[in-house]
Amino acid sequence: MPPHPKRKLSKGRRDRRRAHDALSPLHLVACPQCGALRRPHQVCPECGAYKGETIIEHKKEEKKS
């Protein structure tokens, strides 16, 4: 059998260990081409632009009614 803790960890010690486990919110910036929010240094998922150039061509979806 593996060894077990001799004493129970206090709530404070447990919480101090977990102090750095929280997720940080995503940093988003506005795309200069279309204004949609995107992550910095990434291609815009809406218009496909990066540094003023269109990298990915998006197809416009037509509504069928």
N, C-alpha and C. Protein backbone atom coordinates (compact mmCIF):
# COMPACT_ATOMS: atom_id res chain seq x y z
N MET A 1 0.83 -1.18 0.00
CA MET A 1 0.00 0.00 0.00
C MET A 1 0.88 1.25 0.00
N PRO A 2 0.45 2.28 -0.73
CA PRO A 2 1.24 3.51 -0.74
C PRO A 2 1.11 4.26 0.58
N PRO A 3 2.06 5.11 0.87
CA PRO A 3 1.99 5.87 2.13
C PRO A 3 0.85 6.89 2.09
N HIS A 4 0.29 7.17 3.25
CA HIS A 4 -0.81 8.11 3.38
C HIS A 4 -0.36 9.31 4.20
N PRO A 5 -1.01 10.45 4.03
CA PRO A 5 -0.65 11.61 4.83
C PRO A 5 -0.86 11.35 6.31
N LYS A 6 0.07 11.82 7.13
CA LYS A 6 -0.04 11.60 8.56
C LYS A 6 -1.05 12.56 9.19
N ARG A 7 -1.15 13.78 8.63
CA ARG A 7 -2.07 14.77 9.16
C ARG A 7 -2.92 15.34 8.02
N LYS A 8 -4.12 15.80 8.37
CA LYS A 8 -5.00 16.43 7.39
C LYS A 8 -4.46 17.82 7.03
N LEU A 9 -4.46 18.14 5.74
CA LEU A 9 -4.05 19.48 5.31
C LEU A 9 -5.11 20.48 5.72
N SER A 10 -4.70 21.61 6.25
CA SER A 10 -5.66 22.64 6.64
C SER A 10 -6.25 23.29 5.39
N LYS A 11 -7.41 23.92 5.55
CA LYS A 11 -8.07 24.57 4.42
C LYS A 11 -7.22 25.71 3.87
N GLY A 12 -6.55 26.41 4.76
CA GLY A 12 -5.70 27.52 4.32
C GLY A 12 -4.54 27.05 3.48
N ARG A 13 -3.88 25.98 3.90
CA ARG A 13 -2.75 25.45 3.13
C ARG A 13 -3.23 24.91 1.79
N ARG A 14 -4.36 24.23 1.79
CA ARG A 14 -4.92 23.71 0.55
C ARG A 14 -5.27 24.86 -0.41
N ASP A 15 -5.90 25.91 0.13
CA ASP A 15 -6.31 27.02 -0.72
C ASP A 15 -5.12 27.84 -1.23
N ARG A 16 -4.07 27.95 -0.43
CA ARG A 16 -2.87 28.65 -0.89
C ARG A 16 -2.21 27.89 -2.05
N ARG A 17 -2.25 26.58 -2.00
CA ARG A 17 -1.70 25.78 -3.10
C ARG A 17 -2.51 26.00 -4.37
N ARG A 18 -3.82 26.17 -4.23
CA ARG A 18 -4.70 26.33 -5.39
C ARG A 18 -4.84 27.78 -5.85
N ALA A 19 -4.09 28.68 -5.25
CA ALA A 19 -4.23 30.11 -5.56
C ALA A 19 -3.90 30.43 -7.02
N HIS A 20 -3.04 29.65 -7.64
CA HIS A 20 -2.61 29.93 -9.01
C HIS A 20 -3.33 29.07 -10.04
N ASP A 21 -4.36 28.34 -9.64
CA ASP A 21 -5.05 27.44 -10.56
C ASP A 21 -6.19 28.08 -11.32
N ALA A 22 -6.55 29.33 -11.01
CA ALA A 22 -7.69 29.97 -11.65
C ALA A 22 -7.38 30.25 -13.12
N LEU A 23 -8.40 30.16 -13.96
CA LEU A 23 -8.25 30.46 -15.37
C LEU A 23 -8.32 31.96 -15.58
N SER A 24 -7.43 32.51 -16.38
CA SER A 24 -7.47 33.93 -16.67
C SER A 24 -8.37 34.15 -17.88
N PRO A 25 -9.05 35.30 -17.96
CA PRO A 25 -9.92 35.55 -19.11
C PRO A 25 -9.10 35.76 -20.39
N LEU A 26 -9.70 35.44 -21.53
CA LEU A 26 -9.02 35.61 -22.81
C LEU A 26 -8.85 37.09 -23.10
N HIS A 27 -7.69 37.45 -23.63
CA HIS A 27 -7.45 38.83 -24.04
C HIS A 27 -7.92 38.96 -25.48
N LEU A 28 -8.89 39.84 -25.73
CA LEU A 28 -9.44 40.02 -27.06
C LEU A 28 -9.23 41.45 -27.53
N VAL A 29 -8.97 41.61 -28.82
CA VAL A 29 -8.82 42.92 -29.43
C VAL A 29 -9.77 43.01 -30.62
N ALA A 30 -10.10 44.23 -31.02
CA ALA A 30 -10.99 44.42 -32.16
C ALA A 30 -10.20 44.30 -33.46
N CYS A 31 -10.77 43.63 -34.43
CA CYS A 31 -10.15 43.48 -35.75
C CYS A 31 -10.23 44.84 -36.47
N PRO A 32 -9.12 45.34 -37.02
CA PRO A 32 -9.19 46.63 -37.72
C PRO A 32 -9.98 46.57 -39.02
N GLN A 33 -10.16 45.37 -39.59
CA GLN A 33 -10.89 45.25 -40.86
C GLN A 33 -12.40 45.24 -40.64
N CYS A 34 -12.87 44.33 -39.77
CA CYS A 34 -14.32 44.15 -39.61
C CYS A 34 -14.83 44.56 -38.24
N GLY A 35 -13.94 44.74 -37.26
CA GLY A 35 -14.37 45.16 -35.93
C GLY A 35 -14.75 44.02 -35.01
N ALA A 36 -14.67 42.79 -35.47
CA ALA A 36 -15.02 41.64 -34.63
C ALA A 36 -13.91 41.41 -33.60
N LEU A 37 -14.27 40.81 -32.47
CA LEU A 37 -13.27 40.51 -31.45
C LEU A 37 -12.49 39.27 -31.84
N ARG A 38 -11.18 39.36 -31.68
CA ARG A 38 -10.30 38.24 -32.02
C ARG A 38 -9.14 38.25 -31.04
N ARG A 39 -8.39 37.15 -30.97
CA ARG A 39 -7.20 37.08 -30.11
C ARG A 39 -6.05 37.79 -30.81
N PRO A 40 -5.17 38.45 -30.07
CA PRO A 40 -4.08 39.16 -30.71
C PRO A 40 -3.10 38.20 -31.41
N HIS A 41 -2.52 38.67 -32.50
CA HIS A 41 -1.55 37.91 -33.30
C HIS A 41 -2.17 36.65 -33.89
N GLN A 42 -3.46 36.67 -34.15
CA GLN A 42 -4.16 35.53 -34.77
C GLN A 42 -4.95 36.05 -35.97
N VAL A 43 -5.24 35.18 -36.92
CA VAL A 43 -6.09 35.53 -38.04
C VAL A 43 -7.52 35.73 -37.54
N CYS A 44 -8.18 36.77 -38.03
CA CYS A 44 -9.56 37.05 -37.61
C CYS A 44 -10.48 35.92 -38.09
N PRO A 45 -11.28 35.33 -37.20
CA PRO A 45 -12.16 34.23 -37.62
C PRO A 45 -13.34 34.71 -38.46
N GLU A 46 -13.66 36.01 -38.41
CA GLU A 46 -14.81 36.52 -39.15
C GLU A 46 -14.45 36.88 -40.60
N CYS A 47 -13.39 37.67 -40.78
CA CYS A 47 -13.05 38.13 -42.13
C CYS A 47 -11.80 37.48 -42.69
N GLY A 48 -10.99 36.81 -41.87
CA GLY A 48 -9.81 36.10 -42.34
C GLY A 48 -8.62 37.01 -42.60
N ALA A 49 -8.60 38.21 -42.00
CA ALA A 49 -7.51 39.16 -42.23
C ALA A 49 -6.47 39.05 -41.13
N TYR A 50 -5.20 39.32 -41.51
CA TYR A 50 -4.10 39.37 -40.55
C TYR A 50 -3.12 40.42 -41.04
N LYS A 51 -2.84 41.39 -40.20
CA LYS A 51 -1.94 42.51 -40.51
C LYS A 51 -2.34 43.21 -41.80
N GLY A 52 -3.64 43.42 -41.99
CA GLY A 52 -4.12 44.17 -43.14
C GLY A 52 -4.26 43.37 -44.42
N GLU A 53 -3.91 42.11 -44.42
CA GLU A 53 -4.01 41.28 -45.62
C GLU A 53 -5.02 40.17 -45.39
N THR A 54 -5.76 39.83 -46.43
CA THR A 54 -6.72 38.73 -46.34
C THR A 54 -5.97 37.43 -46.54
N ILE A 55 -5.94 36.63 -45.48
CA ILE A 55 -5.20 35.37 -45.51
C ILE A 55 -6.13 34.22 -45.89
N ILE A 56 -7.34 34.23 -45.32
CA ILE A 56 -8.30 33.16 -45.56
C ILE A 56 -9.54 33.77 -46.22
N GLU A 57 -9.92 33.22 -47.34
CA GLU A 57 -11.14 33.67 -48.03
C GLU A 57 -12.35 32.98 -47.41
N HIS A 58 -13.33 33.75 -46.98
CA HIS A 58 -14.56 33.20 -46.41
C HIS A 58 -15.65 33.24 -47.48
N LYS A 59 -16.43 32.17 -47.51
CA LYS A 59 -17.56 32.12 -48.44
C LYS A 59 -18.77 32.75 -47.77
N LYS A 60 -19.47 33.59 -48.49
CA LYS A 60 -20.69 34.20 -47.97
C LYS A 60 -21.82 33.18 -48.09
N GLU A 61 -22.52 32.93 -46.97
CA GLU A 61 -23.61 31.98 -46.98
C GLU A 61 -24.89 32.67 -47.42
N GLU A 62 -25.56 32.06 -48.38
CA GLU A 62 -26.82 32.61 -48.87
C GLU A 62 -27.97 31.97 -48.13
N LYS A 63 -28.94 32.79 -47.73
CA LYS A 63 -30.12 32.27 -47.04
C LYS A 63 -31.10 31.71 -48.05
N LYS A 64 -31.54 30.50 -47.79
CA LYS A 64 -32.54 29.88 -48.66
C LYS A 64 -33.91 30.04 -48.01
N SER A 65 -34.82 30.73 -48.70
CA SER A 65 -36.17 30.89 -48.14
C SER A 65 -37.24 30.41 -49.07
